[in-house]
PDB file of all heavy atoms in Angstrom:
ATOM      1  N   GLU A   1      19.694  -1.732   2.453  1.00  0.00           N
ATOM      2  CA  GLU A   1      20.518  -0.544   2.673  1.00  0.00           C
ATOM      3  C   GLU A   1      20.013   0.192   3.905  1.00  0.00           C
ATOM      4  O   GLU A   1      18.837   0.051   4.272  1.00  0.00           O
ATOM      5  CB  GLU A   1      20.427   0.370   1.445  1.00  0.00           C
ATOM      6  CG  GLU A   1      20.823  -0.297   0.148  1.00  0.00           C
ATOM      7  CD  GLU A   1      20.454   0.534  -1.076  1.00  0.00           C
ATOM      8  OE1 GLU A   1      19.751   1.558  -0.911  1.00  0.00           O
ATOM      9  OE2 GLU A   1      20.870   0.147  -2.185  1.00  0.00           O
ATOM     10  N   PRO A   2      20.877   0.968   4.560  1.00  0.00           N
ATOM     11  CA  PRO A   2      20.410   1.731   5.729  1.00  0.00           C
ATOM     12  C   PRO A   2      19.191   2.600   5.418  1.00  0.00           C
ATOM     13  O   PRO A   2      18.340   2.811   6.295  1.00  0.00           O
ATOM     14  CB  PRO A   2      21.628   2.581   6.085  1.00  0.00           C
ATOM     15  CG  PRO A   2      22.796   1.758   5.622  1.00  0.00           C
ATOM     16  CD  PRO A   2      22.328   1.082   4.363  1.00  0.00           C
ATOM     17  N   GLU A   3      19.080   3.057   4.167  1.00  0.00           N
ATOM     18  CA  GLU A   3      17.943   3.889   3.772  1.00  0.00           C
ATOM     19  C   GLU A   3      16.628   3.115   3.757  1.00  0.00           C
ATOM     20  O   GLU A   3      15.559   3.709   3.645  1.00  0.00           O
ATOM     21  CB  GLU A   3      18.188   4.490   2.385  1.00  0.00           C
ATOM     22  CG  GLU A   3      19.324   5.517   2.319  1.00  0.00           C
ATOM     23  CD  GLU A   3      20.703   4.899   2.406  1.00  0.00           C
ATOM     24  OE1 GLU A   3      20.840   3.682   2.121  1.00  0.00           O
ATOM     25  OE2 GLU A   3      21.659   5.620   2.762  1.00  0.00           O
ATOM     26  N   ASP A   4      16.696   1.808   3.841  1.00  0.00           N
ATOM     27  CA  ASP A   4      15.487   0.984   3.899  1.00  0.00           C
ATOM     28  C   ASP A   4      14.914   0.896   5.312  1.00  0.00           C
ATOM     29  O   ASP A   4      13.844   0.325   5.509  1.00  0.00           O
ATOM     30  CB  ASP A   4      15.790  -0.430   3.394  1.00  0.00           C
ATOM     31  CG  ASP A   4      16.195  -0.461   1.927  1.00  0.00           C
ATOM     32  OD1 ASP A   4      15.564   0.253   1.132  1.00  0.00           O
ATOM     33  OD2 ASP A   4      17.155  -1.186   1.602  1.00  0.00           O
ATOM     34  N   THR A   5      15.607   1.455   6.285  1.00  0.00           N
ATOM     35  CA  THR A   5      15.127   1.438   7.667  1.00  0.00           C
ATOM     36  C   THR A   5      13.807   2.184   7.769  1.00  0.00           C
ATOM     37  O   THR A   5      13.700   3.342   7.359  1.00  0.00           O
ATOM     38  CB  THR A   5      16.165   2.082   8.601  1.00  0.00           C
ATOM     39  OG1 THR A   5      17.334   1.271   8.619  1.00  0.00           O
ATOM     40  CG2 THR A   5      15.613   2.227  10.008  1.00  0.00           C
ATOM     41  N   ALA A   6      12.796   1.510   8.274  1.00  0.00           N
ATOM     42  CA  ALA A   6      11.456   2.101   8.352  1.00  0.00           C
ATOM     43  C   ALA A   6      10.500   1.128   9.024  1.00  0.00           C
ATOM     44  O   ALA A   6      10.827  -0.050   9.209  1.00  0.00           O
ATOM     45  CB  ALA A   6      10.927   2.426   6.957  1.00  0.00           C
ATOM     46  N   MET A   7       9.329   1.633   9.347  1.00  0.00           N
ATOM     47  CA  MET A   7       8.214   0.762   9.707  1.00  0.00           C
ATOM     48  C   MET A   7       7.525   0.369   8.404  1.00  0.00           C
ATOM     49  O   MET A   7       7.203   1.246   7.597  1.00  0.00           O
ATOM     50  CB  MET A   7       7.236   1.486  10.624  1.00  0.00           C
ATOM     51  CG  MET A   7       6.095   0.617  11.104  1.00  0.00           C
ATOM     52  SD  MET A   7       6.627  -0.607  12.302  1.00  0.00           S
ATOM     53  CE  MET A   7       6.719   0.423  13.765  1.00  0.00           C
ATOM     54  N   TYR A   8       7.322  -0.910   8.213  1.00  0.00           N
ATOM     55  CA  TYR A   8       6.714  -1.412   6.989  1.00  0.00           C
ATOM     56  C   TYR A   8       5.279  -1.854   7.260  1.00  0.00           C
ATOM     57  O   TYR A   8       5.011  -2.563   8.229  1.00  0.00           O
ATOM     58  CB  TYR A   8       7.518  -2.576   6.435  1.00  0.00           C
ATOM     59  CG  TYR A   8       8.777  -2.128   5.715  1.00  0.00           C
ATOM     60  CD1 TYR A   8       9.852  -1.626   6.432  1.00  0.00           C
ATOM     61  CD2 TYR A   8       8.870  -2.174   4.334  1.00  0.00           C
ATOM     62  CE1 TYR A   8      11.000  -1.187   5.784  1.00  0.00           C
ATOM     63  CE2 TYR A   8      10.020  -1.742   3.667  1.00  0.00           C
ATOM     64  CZ  TYR A   8      11.069  -1.247   4.404  1.00  0.00           C
ATOM     65  OH  TYR A   8      12.206  -0.809   3.752  1.00  0.00           O
ATOM     66  N   TYR A   9       4.387  -1.426   6.365  1.00  0.00           N
ATOM     67  CA  TYR A   9       2.969  -1.714   6.512  1.00  0.00           C
ATOM     68  C   TYR A   9       2.433  -2.459   5.297  1.00  0.00           C
ATOM     69  O   TYR A   9       2.788  -2.148   4.161  1.00  0.00           O
ATOM     70  CB  TYR A   9       2.164  -0.427   6.656  1.00  0.00           C
ATOM     71  CG  TYR A   9       2.508   0.394   7.867  1.00  0.00           C
ATOM     72  CD1 TYR A   9       3.493   1.369   7.815  1.00  0.00           C
ATOM     73  CD2 TYR A   9       1.827   0.214   9.074  1.00  0.00           C
ATOM     74  CE1 TYR A   9       3.806   2.142   8.921  1.00  0.00           C
ATOM     75  CE2 TYR A   9       2.134   0.982  10.186  1.00  0.00           C
ATOM     76  CZ  TYR A   9       3.121   1.937  10.103  1.00  0.00           C
ATOM     77  OH  TYR A   9       3.427   2.698  11.205  1.00  0.00           O
ATOM     78  N   CYS A  10       1.553  -3.383   5.580  1.00  0.00           N
ATOM     79  CA  CYS A  10       0.795  -4.072   4.546  1.00  0.00           C
ATOM     80  C   CYS A  10      -0.544  -3.345   4.395  1.00  0.00           C
ATOM     81  O   CYS A  10      -1.135  -2.918   5.391  1.00  0.00           O
ATOM     82  CB  CYS A  10       0.589  -5.516   4.994  1.00  0.00           C
ATOM     83  SG  CYS A  10      -0.555  -6.476   4.025  1.00  0.00           S
ATOM     84  N   ALA A  11      -1.018  -3.216   3.152  1.00  0.00           N
ATOM     85  CA  ALA A  11      -2.285  -2.527   2.917  1.00  0.00           C
ATOM     86  C   ALA A  11      -3.065  -3.246   1.833  1.00  0.00           C
ATOM     87  O   ALA A  11      -2.492  -3.908   0.967  1.00  0.00           O
ATOM     88  CB  ALA A  11      -2.023  -1.085   2.515  1.00  0.00           C
ATOM     89  N   ALA A  12      -4.383  -3.073   1.882  1.00  0.00           N
ATOM     90  CA  ALA A  12      -5.232  -3.746   0.906  1.00  0.00           C
ATOM     91  C   ALA A  12      -6.421  -2.900   0.518  1.00  0.00           C
ATOM     92  O   ALA A  12      -6.967  -2.144   1.339  1.00  0.00           O
ATOM     93  CB  ALA A  12      -5.717  -5.086   1.470  1.00  0.00           C
ATOM     94  N   LEU A  13      -6.810  -3.029  -0.733  1.00  0.00           N
ATOM     95  CA  LEU A  13      -8.062  -2.487  -1.227  1.00  0.00           C
ATOM     96  C   LEU A  13      -8.834  -3.682  -1.769  1.00  0.00           C
ATOM     97  O   LEU A  13      -8.421  -4.295  -2.748  1.00  0.00           O
ATOM     98  CB  LEU A  13      -7.825  -1.471  -2.335  1.00  0.00           C
ATOM     99  CG  LEU A  13      -9.081  -0.961  -3.049  1.00  0.00           C
ATOM    100  CD1 LEU A  13      -9.958  -0.185  -2.072  1.00  0.00           C
ATOM    101  CD2 LEU A  13      -8.706  -0.090  -4.238  1.00  0.00           C
ATOM    102  N   ALA A  14      -9.925  -4.024  -1.074  1.00  0.00           N
ATOM    103  CA  ALA A  14     -10.647  -5.235  -1.435  1.00  0.00           C
ATOM    104  C   ALA A  14     -12.144  -4.997  -1.401  1.00  0.00           C
ATOM    105  O   ALA A  14     -12.661  -4.560  -0.375  1.00  0.00           O
ATOM    106  CB  ALA A  14     -10.283  -6.364  -0.466  1.00  0.00           C
ATOM    107  N   PRO A  15     -12.871  -5.303  -2.505  1.00  0.00           N
ATOM    108  CA  PRO A  15     -12.339  -5.724  -3.789  1.00  0.00           C
ATOM    109  C   PRO A  15     -11.739  -4.548  -4.565  1.00  0.00           C
ATOM    110  O   PRO A  15     -11.953  -3.398  -4.196  1.00  0.00           O
ATOM    111  CB  PRO A  15     -13.562  -6.278  -4.498  1.00  0.00           C
ATOM    112  CG  PRO A  15     -14.689  -5.480  -3.932  1.00  0.00           C
ATOM    113  CD  PRO A  15     -14.328  -5.216  -2.501  1.00  0.00           C
ATOM    114  N   CYS A  16     -11.019  -4.874  -5.607  1.00  0.00           N
ATOM    115  CA  CYS A  16     -10.367  -3.849  -6.421  1.00  0.00           C
ATOM    116  C   CYS A  16     -10.855  -3.991  -7.849  1.00  0.00           C
ATOM    117  O   CYS A  16     -10.558  -4.982  -8.505  1.00  0.00           O
ATOM    118  CB  CYS A  16      -8.851  -4.038  -6.343  1.00  0.00           C
ATOM    119  SG  CYS A  16      -7.919  -2.892  -7.349  1.00  0.00           S
ATOM    120  N   PHE A  17     -11.584  -3.025  -8.367  1.00  0.00           N
ATOM    121  CA  PHE A  17     -12.195  -3.132  -9.684  1.00  0.00           C
ATOM    122  C   PHE A  17     -11.349  -2.502 -10.792  1.00  0.00           C
ATOM    123  O   PHE A  17     -11.423  -2.923 -11.934  1.00  0.00           O
ATOM    124  CB  PHE A  17     -13.584  -2.508  -9.662  1.00  0.00           C
ATOM    125  CG  PHE A  17     -14.530  -3.192  -8.716  1.00  0.00           C
ATOM    126  CD1 PHE A  17     -14.996  -2.547  -7.584  1.00  0.00           C
ATOM    127  CD2 PHE A  17     -14.952  -4.490  -8.950  1.00  0.00           C
ATOM    128  CE1 PHE A  17     -15.862  -3.176  -6.702  1.00  0.00           C
ATOM    129  CE2 PHE A  17     -15.819  -5.132  -8.071  1.00  0.00           C
ATOM    130  CZ  PHE A  17     -16.283  -4.475  -6.950  1.00  0.00           C
ATOM    131  N   ASN A  18     -10.614  -1.466 -10.465  1.00  0.00           N
ATOM    132  CA  ASN A  18      -9.831  -0.785 -11.491  1.00  0.00           C
ATOM    133  C   ASN A  18      -8.347  -1.093 -11.268  1.00  0.00           C
ATOM    134  O   ASN A  18      -7.573  -0.231 -10.851  1.00  0.00           O
ATOM    135  CB  ASN A  18     -10.069   0.722 -11.444  1.00  0.00           C
ATOM    136  CG  ASN A  18      -9.547   1.424 -12.679  1.00  0.00           C
ATOM    137  OD1 ASN A  18      -8.763   0.857 -13.446  1.00  0.00           O
ATOM    138  ND2 ASN A  18      -9.947   2.674 -12.853  1.00  0.00           N
ATOM    139  N   HIS A  19      -7.979  -2.334 -11.571  1.00  0.00           N
ATOM    140  CA  HIS A  19      -6.621  -2.750 -11.270  1.00  0.00           C
ATOM    141  C   HIS A  19      -5.600  -2.077 -12.194  1.00  0.00           C
ATOM    142  O   HIS A  19      -4.439  -1.926 -11.818  1.00  0.00           O
ATOM    143  CB  HIS A  19      -6.482  -4.268 -11.325  1.00  0.00           C
ATOM    144  CG  HIS A  19      -6.878  -4.867 -12.648  1.00  0.00           C
ATOM    145  ND1 HIS A  19      -8.166  -5.225 -12.943  1.00  0.00           N
ATOM    146  CD2 HIS A  19      -6.136  -5.166 -13.730  1.00  0.00           C
ATOM    147  CE1 HIS A  19      -8.207  -5.732 -14.153  1.00  0.00           C
ATOM    148  NE2 HIS A  19      -7.002  -5.706 -14.654  1.00  0.00           N
ATOM    149  N   ALA A  20      -6.026  -1.675 -13.384  1.00  0.00           N
ATOM    150  CA  ALA A  20      -5.091  -0.987 -14.278  1.00  0.00           C
ATOM    151  C   ALA A  20      -4.667   0.350 -13.668  1.00  0.00           C
ATOM    152  O   ALA A  20      -3.488   0.709 -13.669  1.00  0.00           O
ATOM    153  CB  ALA A  20      -5.725  -0.781 -15.642  1.00  0.00           C
ATOM    154  N   TYR A  21      -5.634   1.095 -13.151  1.00  0.00           N
ATOM    155  CA  TYR A  21      -5.331   2.360 -12.482  1.00  0.00           C
ATOM    156  C   TYR A  21      -4.505   2.099 -11.231  1.00  0.00           C
ATOM    157  O   TYR A  21      -3.552   2.825 -10.940  1.00  0.00           O
ATOM    158  CB  TYR A  21      -6.622   3.083 -12.118  1.00  0.00           C
ATOM    159  CG  TYR A  21      -6.384   4.342 -11.325  1.00  0.00           C
ATOM    160  CD1 TYR A  21      -6.077   5.545 -11.956  1.00  0.00           C
ATOM    161  CD2 TYR A  21      -6.459   4.348  -9.926  1.00  0.00           C
ATOM    162  CE1 TYR A  21      -5.850   6.696 -11.244  1.00  0.00           C
ATOM    163  CE2 TYR A  21      -6.228   5.504  -9.198  1.00  0.00           C
ATOM    164  CZ  TYR A  21      -5.929   6.673  -9.864  1.00  0.00           C
ATOM    165  OH  TYR A  21      -5.693   7.814  -9.142  1.00  0.00           O
ATOM    166  N   PHE A  22      -4.864   1.060 -10.503  1.00  0.00           N
ATOM    167  CA  PHE A  22      -4.143   0.736  -9.277  1.00  0.00           C
ATOM    168  C   PHE A  22      -2.661   0.506  -9.558  1.00  0.00           C
ATOM    169  O   PHE A  22      -1.798   1.055  -8.878  1.00  0.00           O
ATOM    170  CB  PHE A  22      -4.734  -0.518  -8.638  1.00  0.00           C
ATOM    171  CG  PHE A  22      -3.874  -1.079  -7.531  1.00  0.00           C
ATOM    172  CD1 PHE A  22      -3.784  -0.435  -6.307  1.00  0.00           C
ATOM    173  CD2 PHE A  22      -3.158  -2.249  -7.716  1.00  0.00           C
ATOM    174  CE1 PHE A  22      -2.984  -0.942  -5.286  1.00  0.00           C
ATOM    175  CE2 PHE A  22      -2.359  -2.762  -6.707  1.00  0.00           C
ATOM    176  CZ  PHE A  22      -2.280  -2.109  -5.491  1.00  0.00           C
ATOM    177  N   LEU A  23      -2.361  -0.307 -10.562  1.00  0.00           N
ATOM    178  CA  LEU A  23      -0.973  -0.686 -10.800  1.00  0.00           C
ATOM    179  C   LEU A  23      -0.146   0.450 -11.399  1.00  0.00           C
ATOM    180  O   LEU A  23       1.088   0.389 -11.366  1.00  0.00           O
ATOM    181  CB  LEU A  23      -0.898  -1.905 -11.707  1.00  0.00           C
ATOM    182  CG  LEU A  23      -1.261  -3.230 -11.053  1.00  0.00           C
ATOM    183  CD1 LEU A  23      -1.227  -4.358 -12.066  1.00  0.00           C
ATOM    184  CD2 LEU A  23      -0.325  -3.532  -9.880  1.00  0.00           C
ATOM    185  N   THR A  24      -0.811   1.451 -11.970  1.00  0.00           N
ATOM    186  CA  THR A  24      -0.058   2.554 -12.561  1.00  0.00           C
ATOM    187  C   THR A  24       0.006   3.786 -11.662  1.00  0.00           C
ATOM    188  O   THR A  24       1.044   4.453 -11.615  1.00  0.00           O
ATOM    189  CB  THR A  24      -0.667   2.965 -13.907  1.00  0.00           C
ATOM    190  OG1 THR A  24      -2.063   3.238 -13.720  1.00  0.00           O
ATOM    191  CG2 THR A  24      -0.502   1.861 -14.938  1.00  0.00           C
ATOM    192  N   VAL A  25      -1.070   4.066 -10.950  1.00  0.00           N
ATOM    193  CA  VAL A  25      -1.145   5.300 -10.162  1.00  0.00           C
ATOM    194  C   VAL A  25      -1.525   5.048  -8.702  1.00  0.00           C
ATOM    195  O   VAL A  25      -0.861   5.518  -7.789  1.00  0.00           O
ATOM    196  CB  VAL A  25      -2.161   6.278 -10.791  1.00  0.00           C
ATOM    197  CG1 VAL A  25      -2.239   7.551  -9.948  1.00  0.00           C
ATOM    198  CG2 VAL A  25      -1.796   6.594 -12.231  1.00  0.00           C
ATOM    199  N   GLY A  26      -2.608   4.306  -8.507  1.00  0.00           N
ATOM    200  CA  GLY A  26      -3.191   4.199  -7.173  1.00  0.00           C
ATOM    201  C   GLY A  26      -2.291   3.617  -6.117  1.00  0.00           C
ATOM    202  O   GLY A  26      -2.359   4.004  -4.941  1.00  0.00           O
ATOM    203  N   TRP A  27      -1.423   2.715  -6.517  1.00  0.00           N
ATOM    204  CA  TRP A  27      -0.652   1.960  -5.535  1.00  0.00           C
ATOM    205  C   TRP A  27       0.275   2.850  -4.710  1.00  0.00           C
ATOM    206  O   TRP A  27       0.686   2.486  -3.620  1.00  0.00           O
ATOM    207  CB  TRP A  27       0.168   0.870  -6.219  1.00  0.00           C
ATOM    208  CG  TRP A  27       1.327   1.386  -7.020  1.00  0.00           C
ATOM    209  CD1 TRP A  27       1.313   1.838  -8.303  1.00  0.00           C
ATOM    210  CD2 TRP A  27       2.687   1.508  -6.576  1.00  0.00           C
ATOM    211  NE1 TRP A  27       2.567   2.227  -8.677  1.00  0.00           N
ATOM    212  CE2 TRP A  27       3.428   2.024  -7.649  1.00  0.00           C
ATOM    213  CE3 TRP A  27       3.338   1.218  -5.380  1.00  0.00           C
ATOM    214  CZ2 TRP A  27       4.782   2.276  -7.555  1.00  0.00           C
ATOM    215  CZ3 TRP A  27       4.696   1.456  -5.291  1.00  0.00           C
ATOM    216  CH2 TRP A  27       5.414   1.987  -6.369  1.00  0.00           C
ATOM    217  N   LYS A  28       0.636   4.001  -5.225  1.00  0.00           N
ATOM    218  CA  LYS A  28       1.559   4.894  -4.521  1.00  0.00           C
ATOM    219  C   LYS A  28       0.853   5.714  -3.441  1.00  0.00           C
ATOM    220  O   LYS A  28       1.518   6.364  -2.620  1.00  0.00           O
ATOM    221  CB  LYS A  28       2.204   5.851  -5.507  1.00  0.00           C
ATOM    222  CG  LYS A  28       2.918   5.186  -6.669  1.00  0.00           C
ATOM    223  CD  LYS A  28       3.412   6.219  -7.659  1.00  0.00           C
ATOM    224  CE  LYS A  28       3.967   5.611  -8.915  1.00  0.00           C
ATOM    225  NZ  LYS A  28       4.395   6.634  -9.901  1.00  0.00           N
ATOM    226  N   ARG A  29      -0.461   5.726  -3.444  1.00  0.00           N
ATOM    227  CA  ARG A  29      -1.223   6.617  -2.568  1.00  0.00           C
ATOM    228  C   ARG A  29      -1.783   5.852  -1.387  1.00  0.00           C
ATOM    229  O   ARG A  29      -2.632   4.973  -1.548  1.00  0.00           O
ATOM    230  CB  ARG A  29      -2.353   7.271  -3.358  1.00  0.00           C
ATOM    231  CG  ARG A  29      -1.853   8.075  -4.542  1.00  0.00           C
ATOM    232  CD  ARG A  29      -2.994   8.614  -5.388  1.00  0.00           C
ATOM    233  NE  ARG A  29      -2.511   9.438  -6.490  1.00  0.00           N
ATOM    234  CZ  ARG A  29      -3.275   9.919  -7.443  1.00  0.00           C
ATOM    235  NH1 ARG A  29      -4.573   9.685  -7.441  1.00  0.00           N
ATOM    236  NH2 ARG A  29      -2.749  10.649  -8.411  1.00  0.00           N
ATOM    237  N   ALA A  30      -1.370   6.222  -0.185  1.00  0.00           N
ATOM    238  CA  ALA A  30      -1.852   5.550   1.005  1.00  0.00           C
ATOM    239  C   ALA A  30      -3.366   5.671   1.137  1.00  0.00           C
ATOM    240  O   ALA A  30      -4.032   4.747   1.612  1.00  0.00           O
ATOM    241  CB  ALA A  30      -1.155   6.119   2.241  1.00  0.00           C
ATOM    242  N   THR A  31      -3.929   6.784   0.684  1.00  0.00           N
ATOM    243  CA  THR A  31      -5.368   7.002   0.813  1.00  0.00           C
ATOM    244  C   THR A  31      -6.185   6.102  -0.100  1.00  0.00           C
ATOM    245  O   THR A  31      -7.401   5.998   0.050  1.00  0.00           O
ATOM    246  CB  THR A  31      -5.717   8.465   0.502  1.00  0.00           C
ATOM    247  OG1 THR A  31      -5.188   8.796  -0.794  1.00  0.00           O
ATOM    248  CG2 THR A  31      -5.138   9.403   1.540  1.00  0.00           C
ATOM    249  N   TYR A  32      -5.527   5.453  -1.044  1.00  0.00           N
ATOM    250  CA  TYR A  32      -6.230   4.569  -1.981  1.00  0.00           C
ATOM    251  C   TYR A  32      -6.630   3.255  -1.320  1.00  0.00           C
ATOM    252  O   TYR A  32      -7.521   2.560  -1.788  1.00  0.00           O
ATOM    253  CB  TYR A  32      -5.330   4.294  -3.181  1.00  0.00           C
ATOM    254  CG  TYR A  32      -6.040   3.700  -4.368  1.00  0.00           C
ATOM    255  CD1 TYR A  32      -6.877   4.462  -5.162  1.00  0.00           C
ATOM    256  CD2 TYR A  32      -5.844   2.364  -4.717  1.00  0.00           C
ATOM    257  CE1 TYR A  32      -7.511   3.909  -6.260  1.00  0.00           C
ATOM    258  CE2 TYR A  32      -6.479   1.808  -5.814  1.00  0.00           C
ATOM    259  CZ  TYR A  32      -7.303   2.582  -6.591  1.00  0.00           C
ATOM    260  OH  TYR A  32      -7.933   2.036  -7.663  1.00  0.00           O
ATOM    261  N   PHE A  33      -5.946   2.907  -0.232  1.00  0.00           N
ATOM    262  CA  PHE A  33      -6.151   1.609   0.415  1.00  0.00           C
ATOM    263  C   PHE A  33      -7.165   1.712   1.546  1.00  0.00           C
ATOM    264  O   PHE A  33      -7.256   2.713   2.239  1.00  0.00           O
ATOM    265  CB  PHE A  33      -4.822   1.084   0.943  1.00  0.00           C
ATOM    266  CG  PHE A  33      -3.863   0.711  -0.153  1.00  0.00           C
ATOM    267  CD1 PHE A  33      -3.073   1.678  -0.761  1.00  0.00           C
ATOM    268  CD2 PHE A  33      -3.760  -0.597  -0.591  1.00  0.00           C
ATOM    269  CE1 PHE A  33      -2.192   1.349  -1.777  1.00  0.00           C
ATOM    270  CE2 PHE A  33      -2.875  -0.939  -1.594  1.00  0.00           C
ATOM    271  CZ  PHE A  33      -2.094   0.036  -2.193  1.00  0.00           C
ATOM    272  N   THR A  34      -7.883   0.612   1.746  1.00  0.00           N
ATOM    273  CA  THR A  34      -8.936   0.573   2.753  1.00  0.00           C
ATOM    274  C   THR A  34      -8.475  -0.033   4.071  1.00  0.00           C
ATOM    275  O   THR A  34      -8.909   0.393   5.136  1.00  0.00           O
ATOM    276  CB  THR A  34     -10.124  -0.248   2.225  1.00  0.00           C
ATOM    277  OG1 THR A  34     -10.478   0.199   0.922  1.00  0.00           O
ATOM    278  CG2 THR A  34     -11.309  -0.146   3.165  1.00  0.00           C
ATOM    279  N   TYR A  35      -7.626  -1.040   3.958  1.00  0.00           N
ATOM    280  CA  TYR A  35      -7.248  -1.805   5.146  1.00  0.00           C
ATOM    281  C   TYR A  35      -5.734  -1.741   5.352  1.00  0.00           C
ATOM    282  O   TYR A  35      -4.964  -1.783   4.393  1.00  0.00           O
ATOM    283  CB  TYR A  35      -7.677  -3.271   4.991  1.00  0.00           C
ATOM    284  CG  TYR A  35      -9.145  -3.432   4.711  1.00  0.00           C
ATOM    285  CD1 TYR A  35      -9.604  -3.721   3.428  1.00  0.00           C
ATOM    286  CD2 TYR A  35     -10.086  -3.280   5.730  1.00  0.00           C
ATOM    287  CE1 TYR A  35     -10.954  -3.856   3.166  1.00  0.00           C
ATOM    288  CE2 TYR A  35     -11.435  -3.421   5.471  1.00  0.00           C
ATOM    289  CZ  TYR A  35     -11.863  -3.713   4.189  1.00  0.00           C
ATOM    290  OH  TYR A  35     -13.201  -3.849   3.934  1.00  0.00           O
ATOM    291  N   TRP A  36      -5.336  -1.695   6.620  1.00  0.00           N
ATOM    292  CA  TRP A  36      -3.927  -1.589   6.981  1.00  0.00           C
ATOM    293  C   TRP A  36      -3.582  -2.527   8.119  1.00  0.00           C
ATOM    294  O   TRP A  36      -4.402  -2.778   9.012  1.00  0.00           O
ATOM    295  CB  TRP A  36      -3.609  -0.165   7.427  1.00  0.00           C
ATOM    296  CG  TRP A  36      -3.649   0.817   6.309  1.00  0.00           C
ATOM    297  CD1 TRP A  36      -4.746   1.466   5.837  1.00  0.00           C
ATOM    298  CD2 TRP A  36      -2.557   1.247   5.504  1.00  0.00           C
ATOM    299  NE1 TRP A  36      -4.402   2.274   4.787  1.00  0.00           N
ATOM    300  CE2 TRP A  36      -3.058   2.159   4.560  1.00  0.00           C
ATOM    301  CE3 TRP A  36      -1.198   0.945   5.487  1.00  0.00           C
ATOM    302  CZ2 TRP A  36      -2.250   2.775   3.610  1.00  0.00           C
ATOM    303  CZ3 TRP A  36      -0.389   1.560   4.542  1.00  0.00           C
ATOM    304  CH2 TRP A  36      -0.913   2.463   3.618  1.00  0.00           C
ATOM    305  N   GLY A  37      -2.363  -3.022   8.081  1.00  0.00           N
ATOM    306  CA  GLY A  37      -1.840  -3.772   9.209  1.00  0.00           C
ATOM    307  C   GLY A  37      -1.227  -2.830  10.227  1.00  0.00           C
ATOM    308  O   GLY A  37      -1.214  -1.606  10.041  1.00  0.00           O
ATOM    309  N   GLN A  38      -0.685  -3.408  11.290  1.00  0.00           N
ATOM    310  CA  GLN A  38      -0.148  -2.604  12.378  1.00  0.00           C
ATOM    311  C   GLN A  38       1.319  -2.223  12.166  1.00  0.00           C
ATOM    312  O   GLN A  38       1.851  -1.358  12.860  1.00  0.00           O
ATOM    313  CB  GLN A  38      -0.278  -3.359  13.708  1.00  0.00           C
ATOM    314  CG  GLN A  38       0.795  -4.411  13.976  1.00  0.00           C
ATOM    315  CD  GLN A  38       0.655  -5.652  13.112  1.00  0.00           C
ATOM    316  OE1 GLN A  38      -0.340  -5.842  12.428  1.00  0.00           O
ATOM    317  NE2 GLN A  38       1.654  -6.518  13.158  1.00  0.00           N
ATOM    318  N   GLY A  39       1.957  -2.864  11.207  1.00  0.00           N
ATOM    319  CA  GLY A  39       3.335  -2.533  10.872  1.00  0.00           C
ATOM    320  C   GLY A  39       4.348  -3.456  11.504  1.00  0.00           C
ATOM    321  O   GLY A  39       4.098  -4.073  12.542  1.00  0.00           O
ATOM    322  N   THR A  40       5.500  -3.551  10.854  1.00  0.00           N
ATOM    323  CA  THR A  40       6.626  -4.310  11.388  1.00  0.00           C
ATOM    324  C   THR A  40       7.896  -3.511  11.112  1.00  0.00           C
ATOM    325  O   THR A  40       8.078  -2.961  10.024  1.00  0.00           O
ATOM    326  CB  THR A  40       6.701  -5.722  10.771  1.00  0.00           C
ATOM    327  OG1 THR A  40       7.725  -6.484  11.401  1.00  0.00           O
ATOM    328  CG2 THR A  40       6.956  -5.684   9.263  1.00  0.00           C
ATOM    329  N   GLN A  41       8.772  -3.431  12.109  1.00  0.00           N
ATOM    330  CA  GLN A  41       9.935  -2.565  12.026  1.00  0.00           C
ATOM    331  C   GLN A  41      11.095  -3.264  11.320  1.00  0.00           C
ATOM    332  O   GLN A  41      11.427  -4.413  11.629  1.00  0.00           O
ATOM    333  CB  GLN A  41      10.380  -2.136  13.431  1.00  0.00           C
ATOM    334  CG  GLN A  41      11.564  -1.195  13.458  1.00  0.00           C
ATOM    335  CD  GLN A  41      11.227   0.175  12.916  1.00  0.00           C
ATOM    336  OE1 GLN A  41      10.225   0.778  13.281  1.00  0.00           O
ATOM    337  NE2 GLN A  41      12.080   0.683  12.026  1.00  0.00           N
TER     338      GLN A  41
END
């Protein structure tokens, strides 16, 4: 959809010990991740 227009980034937290928290809460927070790609439009 036109609303999907954006720069898309890949991010990673490695290693990840609290995956239950990650999948419920952490994943929405950019600050939770350690590594980022440069993005693709």
